[in-house]
């Protein structure tokens, strides 16, 4: 199952604390180059919220089955 950047950003915006939510807003407004810079600067946030997004998506898919 592939998780999109937008799914990660949305999960970060909804479930993150103040900083992670602000990072999600910045990522939403970033062009491709700046998004890469944000991801390189804060890889731990991307990993955590990618995992959360994957879990959420997996649960939704199981519920739909």
PDB file of N, CA and C in Angstrom:
ATOM      1  N   UNK A   1       0.841  -1.169   0.000  1.00  0.00           N
ATOM      2  CA  UNK A   1       0.000   0.000   0.000  1.00  0.00           C
ATOM      3  C   UNK A   1       0.894   1.244   0.000  1.00  0.00           C
ATOM      4  N   UNK A   2       0.639   2.114  -0.923  1.00  0.00           N
ATOM      5  CA  UNK A   2       1.430   3.336  -1.034  1.00  0.00           C
ATOM      6  C   UNK A   2       0.715   4.484  -0.336  1.00  0.00           C
ATOM      7  N   UNK A   3       1.478   5.233   0.432  1.00  0.00           N
ATOM      8  CA  UNK A   3       0.953   6.400   1.134  1.00  0.00           C
ATOM      9  C   UNK A   3       1.448   7.635   0.394  1.00  0.00           C
ATOM     10  N   UNK A   4       0.538   8.527   0.055  1.00  0.00           N
ATOM     11  CA  UNK A   4       0.916   9.733  -0.676  1.00  0.00           C
ATOM     12  C   UNK A   4       1.441  10.802   0.276  1.00  0.00           C
ATOM     13  N   UNK A   5       2.172  11.741  -0.284  1.00  0.00           N
ATOM     14  CA  UNK A   5       2.652  12.876   0.500  1.00  0.00           C
ATOM     15  C   UNK A   5       1.471  13.609   1.129  1.00  0.00           C
ATOM     16  N   UNK A   6       0.400  13.756   0.371  1.00  0.00           N
ATOM     17  CA  UNK A   6      -0.755  14.481   0.883  1.00  0.00           C
ATOM     18  C   UNK A   6      -1.390  13.755   2.070  1.00  0.00           C
ATOM     19  N   UNK A   7      -1.391  12.428   2.040  1.00  0.00           N
ATOM     20  CA  UNK A   7      -1.925  11.668   3.179  1.00  0.00           C
ATOM     21  C   UNK A   7      -1.055  11.862   4.419  1.00  0.00           C
ATOM     22  N   UNK A   8       0.240  11.913   4.229  1.00  0.00           N
ATOM     23  CA  UNK A   8       1.148  12.146   5.355  1.00  0.00           C
ATOM     24  C   UNK A   8       0.931  13.548   5.914  1.00  0.00           C
ATOM     25  N   UNK A   9       0.859  14.518   5.047  1.00  0.00           N
ATOM     26  CA  UNK A   9       0.676  15.911   5.473  1.00  0.00           C
ATOM     27  C   UNK A   9      -0.655  16.076   6.191  1.00  0.00           C
ATOM     28  N   UNK A  10      -1.700  15.478   5.672  1.00  0.00           N
ATOM     29  CA  UNK A  10      -3.020  15.579   6.302  1.00  0.00           C
ATOM     30  C   UNK A  10      -3.024  14.920   7.681  1.00  0.00           C
ATOM     31  N   UNK A  11      -2.377  13.768   7.796  1.00  0.00           N
ATOM     32  CA  UNK A  11      -2.275  13.089   9.088  1.00  0.00           C
ATOM     33  C   UNK A  11      -1.492  13.948  10.078  1.00  0.00           C
ATOM     34  N   UNK A  12      -0.428  14.564   9.596  1.00  0.00           N
ATOM     35  CA  UNK A  12       0.387  15.451  10.428  1.00  0.00           C
ATOM     36  C   UNK A  12      -0.440  16.648  10.904  1.00  0.00           C
ATOM     37  N   UNK A  13      -1.230  17.200  10.007  1.00  0.00           N
ATOM     38  CA  UNK A  13      -2.047  18.370  10.343  1.00  0.00           C
ATOM     39  C   UNK A  13      -3.099  18.023  11.384  1.00  0.00           C
ATOM     40  N   UNK A  14      -3.729  16.864  11.238  1.00  0.00           N
ATOM     41  CA  UNK A  14      -4.819  16.477  12.130  1.00  0.00           C
ATOM     42  C   UNK A  14      -4.306  15.980  13.488  1.00  0.00           C
ATOM     43  N   UNK A  15      -3.289  15.126  13.479  1.00  0.00           N
ATOM     44  CA  UNK A  15      -2.869  14.438  14.693  1.00  0.00           C
ATOM     45  C   UNK A  15      -1.606  15.004  15.332  1.00  0.00           C
ATOM     46  N   UNK A  16      -0.935  15.892  14.645  1.00  0.00           N
ATOM     47  CA  UNK A  16       0.298  16.443  15.190  1.00  0.00           C
ATOM     48  C   UNK A  16       0.035  17.504  16.235  1.00  0.00           C
ATOM     49  N   UNK A  17       1.047  17.757  17.030  1.00  0.00           N
ATOM     50  CA  UNK A  17       0.983  18.856  17.983  1.00  0.00           C
ATOM     51  C   UNK A  17       1.153  20.184  17.252  1.00  0.00           C
ATOM     52  N   UNK A  18       1.419  21.216  18.010  1.00  0.00           N
ATOM     53  CA  UNK A  18       1.530  22.552  17.422  1.00  0.00           C
ATOM     54  C   UNK A  18       2.581  22.660  16.333  1.00  0.00           C
ATOM     55  N   UNK A  19       3.777  22.141  16.600  1.00  0.00           N
ATOM     56  CA  UNK A  19       4.844  22.245  15.611  1.00  0.00           C
ATOM     57  C   UNK A  19       4.564  21.379  14.394  1.00  0.00           C
ATOM     58  N   UNK A  20       4.155  20.132  14.624  1.00  0.00           N
ATOM     59  CA  UNK A  20       3.888  19.227  13.502  1.00  0.00           C
ATOM     60  C   UNK A  20       2.750  19.758  12.641  1.00  0.00           C
ATOM     61  N   UNK A  21       1.739  20.335  13.268  1.00  0.00           N
ATOM     62  CA  UNK A  21       0.630  20.917  12.498  1.00  0.00           C
ATOM     63  C   UNK A  21       1.111  22.092  11.657  1.00  0.00           C
ATOM     64  N   UNK A  22       1.966  22.919  12.238  1.00  0.00           N
ATOM     65  CA  UNK A  22       2.528  24.050  11.489  1.00  0.00           C
ATOM     66  C   UNK A  22       3.421  23.556  10.351  1.00  0.00           C
ATOM     67  N   UNK A  23       4.154  22.485  10.604  1.00  0.00           N
ATOM     68  CA  UNK A  23       4.984  21.887   9.560  1.00  0.00           C
ATOM     69  C   UNK A  23       4.108  21.381   8.413  1.00  0.00           C
ATOM     70  N   UNK A  24       2.961  20.819   8.738  1.00  0.00           N
ATOM     71  CA  UNK A  24       2.026  20.352   7.714  1.00  0.00           C
ATOM     72  C   UNK A  24       1.506  21.517   6.880  1.00  0.00           C
ATOM     73  N   UNK A  25       1.205  22.617   7.518  1.00  0.00           N
ATOM     74  CA  UNK A  25       0.744  23.806   6.780  1.00  0.00           C
ATOM     75  C   UNK A  25       1.844  24.294   5.850  1.00  0.00           C
ATOM     76  N   UNK A  26       3.076  24.335   6.361  1.00  0.00           N
ATOM     77  CA  UNK A  26       4.207  24.752   5.520  1.00  0.00           C
ATOM     78  C   UNK A  26       4.376  23.796   4.343  1.00  0.00           C
ATOM     79  N   UNK A  27       4.267  22.490   4.602  1.00  0.00           N
ATOM     80  CA  UNK A  27       4.412  21.491   3.539  1.00  0.00           C
ATOM     81  C   UNK A  27       3.319  21.644   2.495  1.00  0.00           C
ATOM     82  N   UNK A  28       2.112  21.971   2.944  1.00  0.00           N
ATOM     83  CA  UNK A  28       1.003  22.187   2.016  1.00  0.00           C
ATOM     84  C   UNK A  28       1.265  23.350   1.073  1.00  0.00           C
ATOM     85  N   UNK A  29       1.988  24.346   1.556  1.00  0.00           N
ATOM     86  CA  UNK A  29       2.263  25.539   0.753  1.00  0.00           C
ATOM     87  C   UNK A  29       3.584  25.470  -0.005  1.00  0.00           C
ATOM     88  N   UNK A  30       4.376  24.447   0.280  1.00  0.00           N
ATOM     89  CA  UNK A  30       5.723  24.363  -0.295  1.00  0.00           C
ATOM     90  C   UNK A  30       5.696  23.909  -1.751  1.00  0.00           C
ATOM     91  N   UNK A  31       6.608  24.458  -2.534  1.00  0.00           N
ATOM     92  CA  UNK A  31       6.825  23.914  -3.875  1.00  0.00           C
ATOM     93  C   UNK A  31       7.653  22.639  -3.720  1.00  0.00           C
ATOM     94  N   UNK A  32       7.930  21.960  -4.810  1.00  0.00           N
ATOM     95  CA  UNK A  32       8.627  20.673  -4.741  1.00  0.00           C
ATOM     96  C   UNK A  32       9.995  20.776  -4.053  1.00  0.00           C
ATOM     97  N   UNK A  33      10.753  21.805  -4.382  1.00  0.00           N
ATOM     98  CA  UNK A  33      12.087  21.962  -3.790  1.00  0.00           C
ATOM     99  C   UNK A  33      12.006  22.199  -2.281  1.00  0.00           C
ATOM    100  N   UNK A  34      11.091  23.053  -1.862  1.00  0.00           N
ATOM    101  CA  UNK A  34      10.969  23.339  -0.437  1.00  0.00           C
ATOM    102  C   UNK A  34      10.376  22.162   0.331  1.00  0.00           C
ATOM    103  N   UNK A  35       9.525  21.377  -0.298  1.00  0.00           N
ATOM    104  CA  UNK A  35       9.011  20.175   0.359  1.00  0.00           C
ATOM    105  C   UNK A  35      10.158  19.204   0.621  1.00  0.00           C
ATOM    106  N   UNK A  36      11.045  19.049  -0.330  1.00  0.00           N
ATOM    107  CA  UNK A  36      12.219  18.194  -0.133  1.00  0.00           C
ATOM    108  C   UNK A  36      13.055  18.719   1.035  1.00  0.00           C
ATOM    109  N   UNK A  37      13.224  20.013   1.111  1.00  0.00           N
ATOM    110  CA  UNK A  37      14.008  20.615   2.193  1.00  0.00           C
ATOM    111  C   UNK A  37      13.355  20.354   3.552  1.00  0.00           C
ATOM    112  N   UNK A  38      12.035  20.486   3.622  1.00  0.00           N
ATOM    113  CA  UNK A  38      11.329  20.222   4.875  1.00  0.00           C
ATOM    114  C   UNK A  38      11.482  18.758   5.294  1.00  0.00           C
ATOM    115  N   UNK A  39      11.343  17.863   4.330  1.00  0.00           N
ATOM    116  CA  UNK A  39      11.452  16.435   4.627  1.00  0.00           C
ATOM    117  C   UNK A  39      12.862  16.072   5.086  1.00  0.00           C
ATOM    118  N   UNK A  40      13.869  16.706   4.502  1.00  0.00           N
ATOM    119  CA  UNK A  40      15.258  16.446   4.911  1.00  0.00           C
ATOM    120  C   UNK A  40      15.551  17.024   6.294  1.00  0.00           C
ATOM    121  N   UNK A  41      14.936  18.157   6.598  1.00  0.00           N
ATOM    122  CA  UNK A  41      15.171  18.813   7.886  1.00  0.00           C
ATOM    123  C   UNK A  41      14.476  18.088   9.036  1.00  0.00           C
ATOM    124  N   UNK A  42      13.340  17.451   8.741  1.00  0.00           N
ATOM    125  CA  UNK A  42      12.541  16.817   9.788  1.00  0.00           C
ATOM    126  C   UNK A  42      12.137  15.396   9.397  1.00  0.00           C
ATOM    127  N   UNK A  43      13.109  14.523   9.125  1.00  0.00           N
ATOM    128  CA  UNK A  43      12.762  13.180   8.655  1.00  0.00           C
ATOM    129  C   UNK A  43      12.003  12.364   9.692  1.00  0.00           C
ATOM    130  N   UNK A  44      12.264  12.618  10.973  1.00  0.00           N
ATOM    131  CA  UNK A  44      11.576  11.855  12.013  1.00  0.00           C
ATOM    132  C   UNK A  44      10.072  12.124  11.995  1.00  0.00           C
ATOM    133  N   UNK A  45       9.679  13.349  11.727  1.00  0.00           N
ATOM    134  CA  UNK A  45       8.252  13.658  11.629  1.00  0.00           C
ATOM    135  C   UNK A  45       7.631  12.911  10.455  1.00  0.00           C
ATOM    136  N   UNK A  46       8.321  12.899   9.334  1.00  0.00           N
ATOM    137  CA  UNK A  46       7.777  12.211   8.156  1.00  0.00           C
ATOM    138  C   UNK A  46       7.617  10.721   8.422  1.00  0.00           C
ATOM    139  N   UNK A  47       8.573  10.131   9.105  1.00  0.00           N
ATOM    140  CA  UNK A  47       8.502   8.698   9.401  1.00  0.00           C
ATOM    141  C   UNK A  47       7.333   8.389  10.327  1.00  0.00           C
ATOM    142  N   UNK A  48       7.191   9.161  11.381  1.00  0.00           N
ATOM    143  CA  UNK A  48       6.111   8.929  12.344  1.00  0.00           C
ATOM    144  C   UNK A  48       4.747   9.080  11.682  1.00  0.00           C
ATOM    145  N   UNK A  49       4.561  10.156  10.938  1.00  0.00           N
ATOM    146  CA  UNK A  49       3.240  10.409  10.370  1.00  0.00           C
ATOM    147  C   UNK A  49       2.959   9.560   9.136  1.00  0.00           C
ATOM    148  N   UNK A  50       4.000   9.108   8.451  1.00  0.00           N
ATOM    149  CA  UNK A  50       3.794   8.151   7.370  1.00  0.00           C
ATOM    150  C   UNK A  50       3.276   6.831   7.950  1.00  0.00           C
ATOM    151  N   UNK A  51       3.862   6.421   9.063  1.00  0.00           N
ATOM    152  CA  UNK A  51       3.421   5.200   9.732  1.00  0.00           C
ATOM    153  C   UNK A  51       1.980   5.335  10.213  1.00  0.00           C
ATOM    154  N   UNK A  52       1.654   6.484  10.785  1.00  0.00           N
ATOM    155  CA  UNK A  52       0.280   6.717  11.239  1.00  0.00           C
ATOM    156  C   UNK A  52      -0.699   6.705  10.070  1.00  0.00           C
ATOM    157  N   UNK A  53      -0.324   7.346   8.978  1.00  0.00           N
ATOM    158  CA  UNK A  53      -1.187   7.385   7.792  1.00  0.00           C
ATOM    159  C   UNK A  53      -1.396   5.986   7.233  1.00  0.00           C
ATOM    160  N   UNK A  54      -0.342   5.179   7.229  1.00  0.00           N
ATOM    161  CA  UNK A  54      -0.446   3.803   6.729  1.00  0.00           C
ATOM    162  C   UNK A  54      -1.370   2.977   7.615  1.00  0.00           C
ATOM    163  N   UNK A  55      -1.243   3.133   8.930  1.00  0.00           N
ATOM    164  CA  UNK A  55      -2.112   2.408   9.858  1.00  0.00           C
ATOM    165  C   UNK A  55      -3.563   2.807   9.669  1.00  0.00           C
ATOM    166  N   UNK A  56      -3.788   4.102   9.537  1.00  0.00           N
ATOM    167  CA  UNK A  56      -5.141   4.617   9.336  1.00  0.00           C
ATOM    168  C   UNK A  56      -5.733   4.087   8.030  1.00  0.00           C
ATOM    169  N   UNK A  57      -4.943   4.114   6.966  1.00  0.00           N
ATOM    170  CA  UNK A  57      -5.411   3.648   5.664  1.00  0.00           C
ATOM    171  C   UNK A  57      -5.691   2.139   5.689  1.00  0.00           C
ATOM    172  N   UNK A  58      -4.824   1.392   6.338  1.00  0.00           N
ATOM    173  CA  UNK A  58      -5.000  -0.060   6.454  1.00  0.00           C
ATOM    174  C   UNK A  58      -6.277  -0.391   7.214  1.00  0.00           C
ATOM    175  N   UNK A  59      -6.536   0.334   8.285  1.00  0.00           N
ATOM    176  CA  UNK A  59      -7.755   0.117   9.065  1.00  0.00           C
ATOM    177  C   UNK A  59      -8.994   0.432   8.227  1.00  0.00           C
ATOM    178  N   UNK A  60      -8.950   1.522   7.490  1.00  0.00           N
ATOM    179  CA  UNK A  60     -10.088   1.881   6.631  1.00  0.00           C
ATOM    180  C   UNK A  60     -10.343   0.821   5.580  1.00  0.00           C
ATOM    181  N   UNK A  61      -9.273   0.289   4.999  1.00  0.00           N
ATOM    182  CA  UNK A  61      -9.414  -0.758   3.983  1.00  0.00           C
ATOM    183  C   UNK A  61      -9.980  -2.032   4.579  1.00  0.00           C
ATOM    184  N   UNK A  62      -9.560  -2.383   5.798  1.00  0.00           N
ATOM    185  CA  UNK A  62     -10.107  -3.577   6.466  1.00  0.00           C
ATOM    186  C   UNK A  62     -11.576  -3.379   6.790  1.00  0.00           C
ATOM    187  N   UNK A  63     -11.935  -2.178   7.239  1.00  0.00           N
ATOM    188  CA  UNK A  63     -13.327  -1.877   7.594  1.00  0.00           C
ATOM    189  C   UNK A  63     -14.235  -1.931   6.365  1.00  0.00           C
ATOM    190  N   UNK A  64     -13.696  -1.558   5.211  1.00  0.00           N
ATOM    191  CA  UNK A  64     -14.480  -1.570   3.975  1.00  0.00           C
ATOM    192  C   UNK A  64     -14.657  -2.980   3.397  1.00  0.00           C
ATOM    193  N   UNK A  65     -13.799  -3.892   3.822  1.00  0.00           N
ATOM    194  CA  UNK A  65     -13.840  -5.265   3.267  1.00  0.00           C
ATOM    195  C   UNK A  65     -14.982  -6.078   3.834  1.00  0.00           C
TER     196      UNK A  65
END
